[in-house]
Amino acid sequence: MAAKWIEAVATVAPSVASILGGPLAGTAVKAIASAFGLGDAATEKDVEQAVLAMGPEQIVALRQADIDLQKTLTQAGIDLERIDQEDRADARDMAKATSSVWIQASMMAVLLAVISGCLVAMFMGCMEPLGEATRTMINTIVGGLLAALMATITFFTGSNKNSQQKDAMLFNSEPFNG
């Protein structure tokens, strides 16, 4: 799970956040530090604290840093979307070459069967005699299994940048008071 400060950066500056975990992480940290006026000596901890305490002015500065970073990467010939696509394609090709596709498909089928069984048991009231703590634990486990199932499905079907952008737009949107 990503740190809260990285998730906060991802909602405002997705390009900066996308390179935080890779070989260009130092560039991203410097971009954030510069946007917040922290100077060149700022550490990752300094940046983390600044991100977690950011206000509207810092959000605007961070968004501008994201735009500037995109321009810089484009001028340097670095295409983050192409790199992401190649990474996903390499993973799928490796799975095909090693015959692990059948293992993953079997794993997906088992996950689906277990999740379906748990949901049927919940809806039929079979879990009512169990204590509250046990039901909570089972719900947590089913949630984890659903996340694993979604990761497996995404591996096979892929995801795209538009989906991530849609999620960010929904997260940042104003509620409708109609």
C-alpha atoms as a PDB file:
ATOM      1  CA  MET A   1       0.000   0.000   0.000  1.00  0.00           C
ATOM      2  CA  ALA A   2       1.336   3.423  -0.953  1.00  0.00           C
ATOM      3  CA  ALA A   3       2.101   5.941   1.755  1.00  0.00           C
ATOM      4  CA  LYS A   4      -0.586   8.575   2.387  1.00  0.00           C
ATOM      5  CA  TRP A   5       1.648  11.365   1.140  1.00  0.00           C
ATOM      6  CA  ILE A   6       2.264   9.560  -2.156  1.00  0.00           C
ATOM      7  CA  GLU A   7      -1.492   9.018  -2.564  1.00  0.00           C
ATOM      8  CA  ALA A   8      -2.007  12.754  -1.938  1.00  0.00           C
ATOM      9  CA  VAL A   9       0.596  13.596  -4.583  1.00  0.00           C
ATOM     10  CA  ALA A  10      -1.052  11.150  -7.008  1.00  0.00           C
ATOM     11  CA  THR A  11      -4.402  12.950  -6.779  1.00  0.00           C
ATOM     12  CA  VAL A  12      -2.856  16.330  -7.599  1.00  0.00           C
ATOM     13  CA  ALA A  13       0.224  15.452  -9.642  1.00  0.00           C
ATOM     14  CA  PRO A  14      -0.101  12.010 -11.235  1.00  0.00           C
ATOM     15  CA  SER A  15       3.058  12.325 -13.357  1.00  0.00           C
ATOM     16  CA  VAL A  16       5.168  13.198 -10.345  1.00  0.00           C
ATOM     17  CA  ALA A  17       3.655  10.344  -8.333  1.00  0.00           C
ATOM     18  CA  SER A  18       4.170   7.829 -11.138  1.00  0.00           C
ATOM     19  CA  ILE A  19       7.930   8.255 -11.029  1.00  0.00           C
ATOM     20  CA  LEU A  20       8.264   8.308  -7.230  1.00  0.00           C
ATOM     21  CA  GLY A  21       8.804   4.552  -7.051  1.00  0.00           C
ATOM     22  CA  GLY A  22      11.204   4.271  -9.954  1.00  0.00           C
ATOM     23  CA  PRO A  23      14.680   5.301 -11.000  1.00  0.00           C
ATOM     24  CA  LEU A  24      13.588   8.937 -11.397  1.00  0.00           C
ATOM     25  CA  ALA A  25      12.288   9.194  -7.808  1.00  0.00           C
ATOM     26  CA  GLY A  26      14.904  11.797  -6.933  1.00  0.00           C
ATOM     27  CA  THR A  27      13.599  14.001  -9.735  1.00  0.00           C
ATOM     28  CA  ALA A  28      10.064  13.726  -8.372  1.00  0.00           C
ATOM     29  CA  VAL A  29      11.140  14.544  -4.818  1.00  0.00           C
ATOM     30  CA  LYS A  30      13.093  17.575  -6.093  1.00  0.00           C
ATOM     31  CA  ALA A  31      10.068  18.736  -8.104  1.00  0.00           C
ATOM     32  CA  ILE A  32       7.841  18.538  -5.031  1.00  0.00           C
ATOM     33  CA  ALA A  33      10.443  20.227  -2.817  1.00  0.00           C
ATOM     34  CA  SER A  34      10.841  23.006  -5.365  1.00  0.00           C
ATOM     35  CA  ALA A  35       7.070  23.488  -5.635  1.00  0.00           C
ATOM     36  CA  PHE A  36       6.842  23.868  -1.861  1.00  0.00           C
ATOM     37  CA  GLY A  37       9.925  26.111  -1.635  1.00  0.00           C
ATOM     38  CA  LEU A  38      11.840  23.635   0.519  1.00  0.00           C
ATOM     39  CA  GLY A  39      15.179  24.065  -1.241  1.00  0.00           C
ATOM     40  CA  ASP A  40      17.689  21.579  -2.604  1.00  0.00           C
ATOM     41  CA  ALA A  41      18.635  20.185   0.812  1.00  0.00           C
ATOM     42  CA  ALA A  42      15.107  18.898   1.488  1.00  0.00           C
ATOM     43  CA  THR A  43      14.862  15.226   2.415  1.00  0.00           C
ATOM     44  CA  GLU A  44      12.088  12.814   1.549  1.00  0.00           C
ATOM     45  CA  LYS A  45      10.809  13.204   5.135  1.00  0.00           C
ATOM     46  CA  ASP A  46      10.647  17.003   4.673  1.00  0.00           C
ATOM     47  CA  VAL A  47       8.689  16.530   1.456  1.00  0.00           C
ATOM     48  CA  GLU A  48       6.353  14.031   3.141  1.00  0.00           C
ATOM     49  CA  GLN A  49       5.558  16.470   5.960  1.00  0.00           C
ATOM     50  CA  ALA A  50       4.993  19.313   3.501  1.00  0.00           C
ATOM     51  CA  VAL A  51       2.648  17.235   1.336  1.00  0.00           C
ATOM     52  CA  LEU A  52       0.596  16.079   4.307  1.00  0.00           C
ATOM     53  CA  ALA A  53       0.203  19.697   5.470  1.00  0.00           C
ATOM     54  CA  MET A  54      -0.355  21.290   2.036  1.00  0.00           C
ATOM     55  CA  GLY A  55      -2.968  23.941   1.510  1.00  0.00           C
ATOM     56  CA  PRO A  56      -4.575  25.368  -1.624  1.00  0.00           C
ATOM     57  CA  GLU A  57      -1.478  27.356  -2.648  1.00  0.00           C
ATOM     58  CA  GLN A  58       0.728  24.273  -2.403  1.00  0.00           C
ATOM     59  CA  ILE A  59      -1.803  22.221  -4.374  1.00  0.00           C
ATOM     60  CA  VAL A  60      -1.642  24.760  -7.200  1.00  0.00           C
ATOM     61  CA  ALA A  61       2.179  24.788  -7.034  1.00  0.00           C
ATOM     62  CA  LEU A  62       2.310  20.977  -7.042  1.00  0.00           C
ATOM     63  CA  ARG A  63      -0.044  20.809 -10.039  1.00  0.00           C
ATOM     64  CA  GLN A  64       2.192  23.287 -11.870  1.00  0.00           C
ATOM     65  CA  ALA A  65       5.237  21.170 -10.969  1.00  0.00           C
ATOM     66  CA  ASP A  66       3.450  18.176 -12.489  1.00  0.00           C
ATOM     67  CA  ILE A  67       2.823  20.075 -15.731  1.00  0.00           C
ATOM     68  CA  ASP A  68       6.442  21.269 -15.819  1.00  0.00           C
ATOM     69  CA  LEU A  69       7.714  17.724 -15.204  1.00  0.00           C
ATOM     70  CA  GLN A  70       5.555  16.399 -18.052  1.00  0.00           C
ATOM     71  CA  LYS A  71       7.073  19.023 -20.372  1.00  0.00           C
ATOM     72  CA  THR A  72      10.598  18.183 -19.224  1.00  0.00           C
ATOM     73  CA  LEU A  73      10.078  14.444 -19.706  1.00  0.00           C
ATOM     74  CA  THR A  74       8.524  15.010 -23.128  1.00  0.00           C
ATOM     75  CA  GLN A  75      11.454  17.217 -24.179  1.00  0.00           C
ATOM     76  CA  ALA A  76      13.869  14.526 -22.961  1.00  0.00           C
ATOM     77  CA  GLY A  77      11.998  11.932 -25.007  1.00  0.00           C
ATOM     78  CA  ILE A  78      10.683  10.012 -22.002  1.00  0.00           C
ATOM     79  CA  ASP A  79       7.144   8.727 -22.555  1.00  0.00           C
ATOM     80  CA  LEU A  80       5.746   7.422 -19.255  1.00  0.00           C
ATOM     81  CA  GLU A  81       2.633   5.937 -20.860  1.00  0.00           C
ATOM     82  CA  ARG A  82       4.716   3.987 -23.378  1.00  0.00           C
ATOM     83  CA  ILE A  83       6.955   2.711 -20.567  1.00  0.00           C
ATOM     84  CA  ASP A  84       3.898   1.581 -18.583  1.00  0.00           C
ATOM     85  CA  GLN A  85       2.430  -0.174 -21.627  1.00  0.00           C
ATOM     86  CA  GLU A  86       5.713  -1.962 -22.364  1.00  0.00           C
ATOM     87  CA  ASP A  87       5.939  -3.061 -18.735  1.00  0.00           C
ATOM     88  CA  ARG A  88       2.440  -4.564 -18.821  1.00  0.00           C
ATOM     89  CA  ALA A  89       3.121  -6.219 -22.183  1.00  0.00           C
ATOM     90  CA  ASP A  90       6.365  -7.717 -20.863  1.00  0.00           C
ATOM     91  CA  ALA A  91       4.548  -9.178 -17.855  1.00  0.00           C
ATOM     92  CA  ARG A  92       1.875 -10.761 -20.051  1.00  0.00           C
ATOM     93  CA  ASP A  93       4.466 -12.111 -22.498  1.00  0.00           C
ATOM     94  CA  MET A  94       6.415 -13.642 -19.610  1.00  0.00           C
ATOM     95  CA  ALA A  95       3.247 -15.271 -18.294  1.00  0.00           C
ATOM     96  CA  LYS A  96       2.539 -16.748 -21.725  1.00  0.00           C
ATOM     97  CA  ALA A  97       6.103 -17.956 -22.192  1.00  0.00           C
ATOM     98  CA  THR A  98       6.284 -19.664 -18.811  1.00  0.00           C
ATOM     99  CA  SER A  99       2.813 -21.216 -19.023  1.00  0.00           C
ATOM    100  CA  SER A 100       1.864 -19.445 -15.806  1.00  0.00           C
ATOM    101  CA  VAL A 101      -1.282 -18.156 -17.507  1.00  0.00           C
ATOM    102  CA  TRP A 102      -3.017 -21.413 -16.552  1.00  0.00           C
ATOM    103  CA  ILE A 103      -1.871 -21.050 -12.973  1.00  0.00           C
ATOM    104  CA  GLN A 104      -3.205 -17.493 -12.837  1.00  0.00           C
ATOM    105  CA  ALA A 105      -6.467 -18.453 -14.524  1.00  0.00           C
ATOM    106  CA  SER A 106      -6.889 -21.308 -12.039  1.00  0.00           C
ATOM    107  CA  MET A 107      -6.136 -18.949  -9.189  1.00  0.00           C
ATOM    108  CA  MET A 108      -8.749 -16.541 -10.519  1.00  0.00           C
ATOM    109  CA  ALA A 109     -11.322 -19.341 -10.722  1.00  0.00           C
ATOM    110  CA  VAL A 110     -10.583 -20.438  -7.134  1.00  0.00           C
ATOM    111  CA  LEU A 111     -10.835 -16.828  -5.909  1.00  0.00           C
ATOM    112  CA  LEU A 112     -14.136 -16.400  -7.702  1.00  0.00           C
ATOM    113  CA  ALA A 113     -15.504 -19.652  -6.221  1.00  0.00           C
ATOM    114  CA  VAL A 114     -14.433 -18.741  -2.659  1.00  0.00           C
ATOM    115  CA  ILE A 115     -15.817 -15.208  -2.927  1.00  0.00           C
ATOM    116  CA  SER A 116     -19.082 -16.489  -4.412  1.00  0.00           C
ATOM    117  CA  GLY A 117     -19.402 -19.088  -1.651  1.00  0.00           C
ATOM    118  CA  CYS A 118     -18.838 -16.499   1.054  1.00  0.00           C
ATOM    119  CA  LEU A 119     -21.338 -14.096  -0.494  1.00  0.00           C
ATOM    120  CA  VAL A 120     -23.981 -16.818  -0.841  1.00  0.00           C
ATOM    121  CA  ALA A 121     -23.412 -17.812   2.793  1.00  0.00           C
ATOM    122  CA  MET A 122     -23.784 -14.166   3.861  1.00  0.00           C
ATOM    123  CA  PHE A 123     -26.996 -13.650   1.915  1.00  0.00           C
ATOM    124  CA  MET A 124     -28.517 -16.903   3.147  1.00  0.00           C
ATOM    125  CA  GLY A 125     -27.838 -15.917   6.747  1.00  0.00           C
ATOM    126  CA  CYS A 126     -25.417 -18.766   7.417  1.00  0.00           C
ATOM    127  CA  MET A 127     -22.999 -16.374   9.108  1.00  0.00           C
ATOM    128  CA  GLU A 128     -25.520 -14.965  11.576  1.00  0.00           C
ATOM    129  CA  PRO A 129     -24.675 -17.537  14.311  1.00  0.00           C
ATOM    130  CA  LEU A 130     -21.027 -16.481  14.157  1.00  0.00           C
ATOM    131  CA  GLY A 131     -19.850 -13.742  16.469  1.00  0.00           C
ATOM    132  CA  GLU A 132     -19.431 -10.147  15.320  1.00  0.00           C
ATOM    133  CA  ALA A 133     -15.628 -10.414  15.409  1.00  0.00           C
ATOM    134  CA  THR A 134     -15.673 -13.532  13.205  1.00  0.00           C
ATOM    135  CA  ARG A 135     -18.046 -11.923  10.695  1.00  0.00           C
ATOM    136  CA  THR A 136     -15.851  -8.821  10.572  1.00  0.00           C
ATOM    137  CA  MET A 137     -12.779 -10.978   9.960  1.00  0.00           C
ATOM    138  CA  ILE A 138     -14.562 -12.893   7.180  1.00  0.00           C
ATOM    139  CA  ASN A 139     -15.675  -9.608   5.581  1.00  0.00           C
ATOM    140  CA  THR A 140     -12.082  -8.355   5.667  1.00  0.00           C
ATOM    141  CA  ILE A 141     -10.804 -11.568   4.098  1.00  0.00           C
ATOM    142  CA  VAL A 142     -13.458 -11.420   1.366  1.00  0.00           C
ATOM    143  CA  GLY A 143     -12.437  -7.808   0.683  1.00  0.00           C
ATOM    144  CA  GLY A 144      -8.825  -8.882   0.306  1.00  0.00           C
ATOM    145  CA  LEU A 145      -9.841 -11.723  -1.993  1.00  0.00           C
ATOM    146  CA  LEU A 146     -11.869  -9.280  -4.108  1.00  0.00           C
ATOM    147  CA  ALA A 147      -8.783  -7.058  -4.440  1.00  0.00           C
ATOM    148  CA  ALA A 148      -6.723 -10.085  -5.510  1.00  0.00           C
ATOM    149  CA  LEU A 149      -9.400 -11.038  -8.026  1.00  0.00           C
ATOM    150  CA  MET A 150      -9.442  -7.514  -9.457  1.00  0.00           C
ATOM    151  CA  ALA A 151      -5.636  -7.521  -9.749  1.00  0.00           C
ATOM    152  CA  THR A 152      -5.782 -10.825 -11.610  1.00  0.00           C
ATOM    153  CA  ILE A 153      -8.533  -9.601 -13.934  1.00  0.00           C
ATOM    154  CA  THR A 154      -6.637  -6.371 -14.589  1.00  0.00           C
ATOM    155  CA  PHE A 155      -3.535  -8.397 -15.436  1.00  0.00           C
ATOM    156  CA  PHE A 156      -5.430 -10.252 -18.161  1.00  0.00           C
ATOM    157  CA  THR A 157      -7.607  -7.437 -19.488  1.00  0.00           C
ATOM    158  CA  GLY A 158      -5.324  -4.521 -18.703  1.00  0.00           C
ATOM    159  CA  SER A 159      -6.167  -1.094 -17.479  1.00  0.00           C
ATOM    160  CA  ASN A 160      -5.455   2.226 -19.024  1.00  0.00           C
ATOM    161  CA  LYS A 161      -4.501   5.765 -18.203  1.00  0.00           C
ATOM    162  CA  ASN A 162      -8.032   6.962 -18.983  1.00  0.00           C
ATOM    163  CA  SER A 163      -9.347   4.775 -16.176  1.00  0.00           C
ATOM    164  CA  GLN A 164      -6.843   6.282 -13.736  1.00  0.00           C
ATOM    165  CA  GLN A 165      -7.668   9.794 -14.940  1.00  0.00           C
ATOM    166  CA  LYS A 166     -11.401   9.118 -14.519  1.00  0.00           C
ATOM    167  CA  ASP A 167     -10.792   7.921 -10.955  1.00  0.00           C
ATOM    168  CA  ALA A 168      -8.791  11.065 -10.160  1.00  0.00           C
ATOM    169  CA  MET A 169     -11.498  13.281 -11.673  1.00  0.00           C
ATOM    170  CA  LEU A 170     -14.209  11.560  -9.633  1.00  0.00           C
ATOM    171  CA  PHE A 171     -12.127  11.867  -6.471  1.00  0.00           C
ATOM    172  CA  ASN A 172     -11.574  15.591  -7.049  1.00  0.00           C
ATOM    173  CA  SER A 173     -15.119  16.407  -8.201  1.00  0.00           C
ATOM    174  CA  GLU A 174     -17.664  18.417  -6.255  1.00  0.00           C
ATOM    175  CA  PRO A 175     -20.737  16.533  -4.992  1.00  0.00           C
ATOM    176  CA  PHE A 176     -23.955  17.261  -6.875  1.00  0.00           C
ATOM    177  CA  ASN A 177     -26.498  19.042  -4.710  1.00  0.00           C
ATOM    178  CA  GLY A 178     -29.370  18.881  -7.134  1.00  0.00           C
END
